[in-house]
Amino acid sequence: MLLSISSPARVITPSLTLPAVLWLTLHNERCAWKGFDWATTDRLHKKGLIGDPVNKSKSLILTDEGLERSEALFRELFTRPPQ
């Protein structure tokens, strides 16, 4: 079981970490690396976090909600609160 740095009692699952990893690979304001399996990107698309991943682009396009959620999850899971 993996635990978050900022939330020690919270279990980190792929559904939480992938949007955070998208934030980490962000470029051109709303594009992220597309190197994830199709089932995963399809789930993110169905949740409204990314545009349709079935295209020739090497990047995923995050929606407004996807940008907000990925940044929030990245900050929650991988950063420490200010002291």
N, C-alpha and C. Protein backbone atom coordinates (compact mmCIF):
# COMPACT_ATOMS: atom_id res chain seq x y z
N MET A 1 0.84 -1.16 0.00
CA MET A 1 0.00 0.00 0.00
C MET A 1 0.89 1.24 0.00
N LEU A 2 0.65 2.16 -0.93
CA LEU A 2 1.40 3.41 -1.00
C LEU A 2 0.63 4.49 -0.27
N LEU A 3 1.33 5.35 0.39
CA LEU A 3 0.68 6.43 1.12
C LEU A 3 1.17 7.78 0.62
N SER A 4 0.33 8.76 0.70
CA SER A 4 0.66 10.11 0.27
C SER A 4 1.56 10.79 1.29
N ILE A 5 2.42 11.66 0.80
CA ILE A 5 3.26 12.45 1.69
C ILE A 5 2.41 13.41 2.51
N SER A 6 1.46 14.10 1.84
CA SER A 6 0.69 15.12 2.54
C SER A 6 -0.53 14.57 3.27
N SER A 7 -0.98 13.39 2.93
CA SER A 7 -2.13 12.78 3.59
C SER A 7 -1.77 11.35 3.97
N PRO A 8 -1.06 11.16 5.09
CA PRO A 8 -0.53 9.84 5.43
C PRO A 8 -1.56 8.71 5.49
N ALA A 9 -2.81 8.98 5.79
CA ALA A 9 -3.80 7.92 5.92
C ALA A 9 -4.51 7.62 4.61
N ARG A 10 -4.22 8.35 3.57
CA ARG A 10 -4.93 8.19 2.30
C ARG A 10 -4.18 7.22 1.38
N VAL A 11 -4.88 6.26 0.86
CA VAL A 11 -4.29 5.30 -0.07
C VAL A 11 -4.22 5.93 -1.46
N ILE A 12 -3.06 5.85 -2.07
CA ILE A 12 -2.89 6.40 -3.41
C ILE A 12 -3.22 5.31 -4.42
N THR A 13 -4.17 5.60 -5.30
CA THR A 13 -4.58 4.66 -6.33
C THR A 13 -4.28 5.27 -7.70
N PRO A 14 -4.25 4.45 -8.75
CA PRO A 14 -4.02 5.00 -10.09
C PRO A 14 -5.03 6.06 -10.50
N SER A 15 -6.28 5.93 -10.05
CA SER A 15 -7.29 6.93 -10.42
C SER A 15 -6.98 8.29 -9.81
N LEU A 16 -6.24 8.31 -8.71
CA LEU A 16 -5.82 9.57 -8.12
C LEU A 16 -4.51 10.07 -8.72
N THR A 17 -3.59 9.17 -8.96
CA THR A 17 -2.26 9.60 -9.39
C THR A 17 -2.17 9.98 -10.86
N LEU A 18 -2.92 9.32 -11.74
CA LEU A 18 -2.77 9.62 -13.15
C LEU A 18 -3.09 11.07 -13.48
N PRO A 19 -4.20 11.64 -13.01
CA PRO A 19 -4.41 13.06 -13.29
C PRO A 19 -3.28 13.94 -12.73
N ALA A 20 -2.71 13.55 -11.60
CA ALA A 20 -1.59 14.30 -11.04
C ALA A 20 -0.36 14.17 -11.93
N VAL A 21 -0.12 13.00 -12.49
CA VAL A 21 1.02 12.79 -13.40
C VAL A 21 0.80 13.58 -14.69
N LEU A 22 -0.43 13.71 -15.13
CA LEU A 22 -0.70 14.54 -16.31
C LEU A 22 -0.25 15.97 -16.06
N TRP A 23 -0.49 16.47 -14.86
CA TRP A 23 -0.05 17.83 -14.51
C TRP A 23 1.48 17.92 -14.58
N LEU A 24 2.15 16.88 -14.14
CA LEU A 24 3.61 16.85 -14.13
C LEU A 24 4.17 16.90 -15.55
N THR A 25 3.48 16.32 -16.53
CA THR A 25 3.98 16.28 -17.90
C THR A 25 3.34 17.35 -18.79
N LEU A 26 2.69 18.32 -18.18
CA LEU A 26 1.98 19.37 -18.91
C LEU A 26 2.92 20.23 -19.75
N HIS A 27 2.50 20.53 -20.98
CA HIS A 27 3.22 21.45 -21.86
C HIS A 27 2.20 22.17 -22.74
N ASN A 28 2.59 23.29 -23.30
CA ASN A 28 1.68 24.08 -24.16
C ASN A 28 0.35 24.38 -23.46
N GLU A 29 0.41 24.66 -22.19
CA GLU A 29 -0.72 25.07 -21.35
C GLU A 29 -1.74 24.00 -20.99
N ARG A 30 -2.06 23.08 -21.90
CA ARG A 30 -3.07 22.07 -21.57
C ARG A 30 -2.82 20.72 -22.23
N CYS A 31 -1.63 20.49 -22.71
CA CYS A 31 -1.28 19.21 -23.34
C CYS A 31 -0.42 18.38 -22.39
N ALA A 32 -0.61 17.09 -22.40
CA ALA A 32 0.17 16.19 -21.54
C ALA A 32 0.59 14.97 -22.34
N TRP A 33 1.65 14.33 -21.89
CA TRP A 33 2.19 13.15 -22.55
C TRP A 33 1.12 12.08 -22.70
N LYS A 34 1.10 11.39 -23.84
CA LYS A 34 0.05 10.43 -24.16
C LYS A 34 0.49 8.97 -23.96
N GLY A 35 1.52 8.70 -23.23
CA GLY A 35 2.06 7.35 -23.11
C GLY A 35 1.37 6.46 -22.09
N PHE A 36 0.08 6.52 -22.01
CA PHE A 36 -0.69 5.68 -21.08
C PHE A 36 -1.53 4.70 -21.89
N ASP A 37 -1.94 3.61 -21.26
CA ASP A 37 -2.72 2.62 -22.00
C ASP A 37 -4.09 3.19 -22.39
N TRP A 38 -4.66 2.61 -23.44
CA TRP A 38 -5.91 3.11 -24.00
C TRP A 38 -7.08 3.05 -23.02
N ALA A 39 -7.16 2.00 -22.23
CA ALA A 39 -8.27 1.88 -21.27
C ALA A 39 -8.22 3.03 -20.27
N THR A 40 -7.03 3.40 -19.85
CA THR A 40 -6.88 4.48 -18.88
C THR A 40 -7.27 5.82 -19.50
N THR A 41 -6.77 6.10 -20.69
CA THR A 41 -7.12 7.38 -21.31
C THR A 41 -8.60 7.43 -21.67
N ASP A 42 -9.20 6.30 -22.01
CA ASP A 42 -10.64 6.26 -22.28
C ASP A 42 -11.43 6.62 -21.02
N ARG A 43 -11.01 6.09 -19.87
CA ARG A 43 -11.69 6.43 -18.60
C ARG A 43 -11.58 7.93 -18.30
N LEU A 44 -10.41 8.50 -18.52
CA LEU A 44 -10.23 9.94 -18.28
C LEU A 44 -11.12 10.75 -19.22
N HIS A 45 -11.25 10.29 -20.46
CA HIS A 45 -12.12 10.97 -21.43
C HIS A 45 -13.58 10.88 -21.00
N LYS A 46 -14.02 9.71 -20.56
CA LYS A 46 -15.41 9.55 -20.10
C LYS A 46 -15.71 10.40 -18.87
N LYS A 47 -14.71 10.66 -18.04
CA LYS A 47 -14.89 11.51 -16.86
C LYS A 47 -14.84 13.00 -17.22
N GLY A 48 -14.52 13.31 -18.47
CA GLY A 48 -14.48 14.70 -18.90
C GLY A 48 -13.18 15.42 -18.55
N LEU A 49 -12.13 14.66 -18.24
CA LEU A 49 -10.86 15.28 -17.85
C LEU A 49 -9.94 15.56 -19.03
N ILE A 50 -10.13 14.81 -20.12
CA ILE A 50 -9.32 15.02 -21.33
C ILE A 50 -10.23 14.96 -22.55
N GLY A 51 -9.74 15.52 -23.66
CA GLY A 51 -10.44 15.40 -24.93
C GLY A 51 -10.31 13.98 -25.44
N ASP A 52 -10.94 13.69 -26.56
CA ASP A 52 -10.91 12.35 -27.14
C ASP A 52 -9.46 11.93 -27.42
N PRO A 53 -8.99 10.85 -26.78
CA PRO A 53 -7.60 10.44 -26.95
C PRO A 53 -7.32 9.70 -28.26
N VAL A 54 -8.37 9.35 -28.99
CA VAL A 54 -8.19 8.59 -30.23
C VAL A 54 -7.92 9.57 -31.37
N ASN A 55 -6.64 9.86 -31.56
CA ASN A 55 -6.20 10.75 -32.65
C ASN A 55 -4.71 10.50 -32.90
N LYS A 56 -4.13 11.19 -33.86
CA LYS A 56 -2.74 10.96 -34.22
C LYS A 56 -1.76 11.77 -33.37
N SER A 57 -2.27 12.64 -32.55
CA SER A 57 -1.41 13.47 -31.70
C SER A 57 -0.67 12.62 -30.67
N LYS A 58 0.51 13.06 -30.28
CA LYS A 58 1.28 12.38 -29.24
C LYS A 58 0.98 12.95 -27.86
N SER A 59 0.01 13.87 -27.80
CA SER A 59 -0.35 14.49 -26.53
C SER A 59 -1.84 14.35 -26.27
N LEU A 60 -2.19 14.38 -25.00
CA LEU A 60 -3.59 14.45 -24.57
C LEU A 60 -3.91 15.91 -24.31
N ILE A 61 -5.13 16.31 -24.60
CA ILE A 61 -5.56 17.68 -24.34
C ILE A 61 -6.46 17.67 -23.11
N LEU A 62 -6.04 18.37 -22.07
CA LEU A 62 -6.84 18.42 -20.85
C LEU A 62 -7.96 19.44 -21.00
N THR A 63 -9.13 19.10 -20.48
CA THR A 63 -10.25 20.03 -20.44
C THR A 63 -10.01 21.01 -19.30
N ASP A 64 -10.87 22.03 -19.19
CA ASP A 64 -10.74 22.97 -18.06
C ASP A 64 -10.82 22.22 -16.74
N GLU A 65 -11.80 21.30 -16.63
CA GLU A 65 -11.94 20.50 -15.42
C GLU A 65 -10.71 19.62 -15.19
N GLY A 66 -10.18 19.05 -16.27
CA GLY A 66 -8.99 18.21 -16.18
C GLY A 66 -7.78 18.98 -15.68
N LEU A 67 -7.62 20.22 -16.16
CA LEU A 67 -6.52 21.07 -15.69
C LEU A 67 -6.64 21.35 -14.20
N GLU A 68 -7.84 21.75 -13.77
CA GLU A 68 -8.06 22.07 -12.36
C GLU A 68 -7.85 20.85 -11.48
N ARG A 69 -8.43 19.74 -11.89
CA ARG A 69 -8.35 18.52 -11.07
C ARG A 69 -6.92 17.97 -11.02
N SER A 70 -6.23 17.98 -12.15
CA SER A 70 -4.87 17.44 -12.16
C SER A 70 -3.93 18.30 -11.30
N GLU A 71 -4.08 19.61 -11.36
CA GLU A 71 -3.23 20.47 -10.52
C GLU A 71 -3.55 20.25 -9.04
N ALA A 72 -4.83 20.21 -8.71
CA ALA A 72 -5.22 20.02 -7.31
C ALA A 72 -4.70 18.68 -6.76
N LEU A 73 -4.85 17.61 -7.54
CA LEU A 73 -4.38 16.30 -7.09
C LEU A 73 -2.85 16.27 -6.99
N PHE A 74 -2.17 16.90 -7.94
CA PHE A 74 -0.71 16.93 -7.88
C PHE A 74 -0.27 17.62 -6.59
N ARG A 75 -0.86 18.78 -6.31
CA ARG A 75 -0.47 19.53 -5.10
C ARG A 75 -0.82 18.76 -3.82
N GLU A 76 -1.98 18.11 -3.82
CA GLU A 76 -2.40 17.35 -2.64
C GLU A 76 -1.53 16.13 -2.38
N LEU A 77 -1.20 15.41 -3.44
CA LEU A 77 -0.50 14.14 -3.28
C LEU A 77 1.02 14.25 -3.24
N PHE A 78 1.57 15.22 -3.93
CA PHE A 78 3.03 15.24 -4.10
C PHE A 78 3.74 16.48 -3.58
N THR A 79 3.05 17.34 -2.88
CA THR A 79 3.72 18.49 -2.28
C THR A 79 3.39 18.54 -0.80
N ARG A 80 4.23 19.25 -0.07
CA ARG A 80 3.98 19.43 1.36
C ARG A 80 3.32 20.78 1.58
N PRO A 81 2.44 20.85 2.57
CA PRO A 81 1.81 22.14 2.86
C PRO A 81 2.87 23.12 3.40
N PRO A 82 2.67 24.43 3.15
CA PRO A 82 3.63 25.42 3.68
C PRO A 82 3.68 25.36 5.21
N GLN A 83 4.85 25.61 5.72
CA GLN A 83 5.00 25.54 7.19
C GLN A 83 5.17 26.90 7.80
